[in-house]
Amino acid sequence: MKSLELKDAKEPLYQYTKALKGNPLLLLISGKPVAALVSTDDLDWETLSLSQNPKFMRIIEKSRKSFKKKGGLSTEQMRRKTGSR
């Protein structure tokens, strides 16, 4: 992942977004991350919104811990079971 100190940014924001090519650009202030530019080409708005929702992310983390501890069906097993792709 590339990073950019905001004080060193010389180009308009648009120019940085054109250069993403699927890789995020981490924006820094004094070496500390403050934001990231991420391409949304292969990302739907629902996924983007949910990934930024702390309550949803807590549910996902709780589910992952439960899966590790108690087991369950993997995504692939669920797809086979339901006939989904």
C-alpha atoms as a PDB file:
ATOM      1  CA  MET A   1       0.000   0.000   0.000  1.00  0.00           C
ATOM      2  CA  LYS A   2       1.303   3.429  -0.906  1.00  0.00           C
ATOM      3  CA  SER A   3       1.157   6.341   1.482  1.00  0.00           C
ATOM      4  CA  LEU A   4       1.320  10.096   1.131  1.00  0.00           C
ATOM      5  CA  GLU A   5       2.079  12.776   3.674  1.00  0.00           C
ATOM      6  CA  LEU A   6      -0.614  15.395   3.139  1.00  0.00           C
ATOM      7  CA  LYS A   7       1.915  18.209   3.447  1.00  0.00           C
ATOM      8  CA  ASP A   8       3.749  16.683   0.469  1.00  0.00           C
ATOM      9  CA  ALA A   9       0.665  16.405  -1.750  1.00  0.00           C
ATOM     10  CA  LYS A  10       1.233  18.584  -4.804  1.00  0.00           C
ATOM     11  CA  GLU A  11      -1.428  17.267  -7.201  1.00  0.00           C
ATOM     12  CA  PRO A  12      -5.180  17.783  -7.080  1.00  0.00           C
ATOM     13  CA  LEU A  13      -7.020  14.941  -5.346  1.00  0.00           C
ATOM     14  CA  TYR A  14      -8.387  13.806  -8.707  1.00  0.00           C
ATOM     15  CA  GLN A  15      -4.877  12.967  -9.923  1.00  0.00           C
ATOM     16  CA  TYR A  16      -4.261  10.685  -6.947  1.00  0.00           C
ATOM     17  CA  THR A  17      -7.529   8.837  -7.507  1.00  0.00           C
ATOM     18  CA  LYS A  18      -6.574   8.137 -11.134  1.00  0.00           C
ATOM     19  CA  ALA A  19      -3.371   6.433  -9.976  1.00  0.00           C
ATOM     20  CA  LEU A  20      -5.003   4.047  -7.455  1.00  0.00           C
ATOM     21  CA  LYS A  21      -5.321   1.077  -9.847  1.00  0.00           C
ATOM     22  CA  GLY A  22      -7.072  -0.990  -7.175  1.00  0.00           C
ATOM     23  CA  ASN A  23      -4.568  -0.196  -4.422  1.00  0.00           C
ATOM     24  CA  PRO A  24      -5.507   2.116  -1.544  1.00  0.00           C
ATOM     25  CA  LEU A  25      -3.516   5.277  -0.883  1.00  0.00           C
ATOM     26  CA  LEU A  26      -3.005   5.929   2.814  1.00  0.00           C
ATOM     27  CA  LEU A  27      -3.016   9.634   3.702  1.00  0.00           C
ATOM     28  CA  LEU A  28      -0.763  10.652   6.584  1.00  0.00           C
ATOM     29  CA  ILE A  29      -0.273  13.635   8.858  1.00  0.00           C
ATOM     30  CA  SER A  30       3.075  13.542  10.653  1.00  0.00           C
ATOM     31  CA  GLY A  31       3.394   9.862   9.755  1.00  0.00           C
ATOM     32  CA  LYS A  32       0.026   8.903  11.255  1.00  0.00           C
ATOM     33  CA  PRO A  33      -2.793   7.569   9.054  1.00  0.00           C
ATOM     34  CA  VAL A  34      -5.781   9.915   8.899  1.00  0.00           C
ATOM     35  CA  ALA A  35      -7.642   8.704   5.797  1.00  0.00           C
ATOM     36  CA  ALA A  36      -7.388   6.441   2.791  1.00  0.00           C
ATOM     37  CA  LEU A  37      -8.301   6.828  -0.846  1.00  0.00           C
ATOM     38  CA  VAL A  38      -9.879   3.595  -2.041  1.00  0.00           C
ATOM     39  CA  SER A  39     -11.136   2.747  -5.501  1.00  0.00           C
ATOM     40  CA  THR A  40     -14.833   1.947  -5.631  1.00  0.00           C
ATOM     41  CA  ASP A  41     -14.664   0.410  -9.113  1.00  0.00           C
ATOM     42  CA  ASP A  42     -15.393  -3.110  -7.847  1.00  0.00           C
ATOM     43  CA  LEU A  43     -17.263  -2.090  -4.716  1.00  0.00           C
ATOM     44  CA  ASP A  44     -20.962  -1.524  -4.277  1.00  0.00           C
ATOM     45  CA  TRP A  45     -22.198   1.266  -2.001  1.00  0.00           C
ATOM     46  CA  GLU A  46     -23.854  -1.160   0.411  1.00  0.00           C
ATOM     47  CA  THR A  47     -20.550  -2.956   1.057  1.00  0.00           C
ATOM     48  CA  LEU A  48     -18.722   0.338   1.478  1.00  0.00           C
ATOM     49  CA  SER A  49     -21.343   1.622   3.888  1.00  0.00           C
ATOM     50  CA  LEU A  50     -21.410  -1.549   5.990  1.00  0.00           C
ATOM     51  CA  SER A  51     -17.618  -1.730   6.187  1.00  0.00           C
ATOM     52  CA  GLN A  52     -17.668   1.695   7.864  1.00  0.00           C
ATOM     53  CA  ASN A  53     -20.442   0.842  10.319  1.00  0.00           C
ATOM     54  CA  PRO A  54     -18.973   0.054  13.773  1.00  0.00           C
ATOM     55  CA  LYS A  55     -22.067  -1.867  14.927  1.00  0.00           C
ATOM     56  CA  PHE A  56     -22.017  -4.092  11.834  1.00  0.00           C
ATOM     57  CA  MET A  57     -18.268  -4.692  12.188  1.00  0.00           C
ATOM     58  CA  ARG A  58     -18.779  -5.758  15.843  1.00  0.00           C
ATOM     59  CA  ILE A  59     -21.390  -8.288  14.664  1.00  0.00           C
ATOM     60  CA  ILE A  60     -18.961  -9.640  12.054  1.00  0.00           C
ATOM     61  CA  GLU A  61     -16.128  -9.914  14.590  1.00  0.00           C
ATOM     62  CA  LYS A  62     -18.397 -11.691  17.095  1.00  0.00           C
ATOM     63  CA  SER A  63     -19.453 -14.111  14.367  1.00  0.00           C
ATOM     64  CA  ARG A  64     -15.825 -14.819  13.371  1.00  0.00           C
ATOM     65  CA  LYS A  65     -14.871 -15.544  16.991  1.00  0.00           C
ATOM     66  CA  SER A  66     -17.856 -17.847  17.386  1.00  0.00           C
ATOM     67  CA  PHE A  67     -16.943 -19.680  14.178  1.00  0.00           C
ATOM     68  CA  LYS A  68     -13.363 -20.214  15.411  1.00  0.00           C
ATOM     69  CA  LYS A  69     -14.539 -21.433  18.799  1.00  0.00           C
ATOM     70  CA  LYS A  70     -17.624 -23.484  17.902  1.00  0.00           C
ATOM     71  CA  GLY A  71     -17.180 -24.159  14.192  1.00  0.00           C
ATOM     72  CA  GLY A  72     -19.847 -23.899  11.554  1.00  0.00           C
ATOM     73  CA  LEU A  73     -20.163 -23.853   7.799  1.00  0.00           C
ATOM     74  CA  SER A  74     -17.550 -22.124   5.679  1.00  0.00           C
ATOM     75  CA  THR A  75     -18.702 -19.792   2.925  1.00  0.00           C
ATOM     76  CA  GLU A  76     -17.890 -22.465   0.341  1.00  0.00           C
ATOM     77  CA  GLN A  77     -19.829 -25.135   2.264  1.00  0.00           C
ATOM     78  CA  MET A  78     -22.820 -22.805   2.524  1.00  0.00           C
ATOM     79  CA  ARG A  79     -22.696 -22.080  -1.193  1.00  0.00           C
ATOM     80  CA  ARG A  80     -22.636 -25.779  -2.010  1.00  0.00           C
ATOM     81  CA  LYS A  81     -25.476 -26.454   0.403  1.00  0.00           C
ATOM     82  CA  THR A  82     -27.674 -23.712  -1.042  1.00  0.00           C
ATOM     83  CA  GLY A  83     -26.608 -24.129  -4.675  1.00  0.00           C
ATOM     84  CA  SER A  84     -25.297 -20.553  -4.793  1.00  0.00           C
ATOM     85  CA  ARG A  85     -22.236 -19.426  -6.698  1.00  0.00           C
END
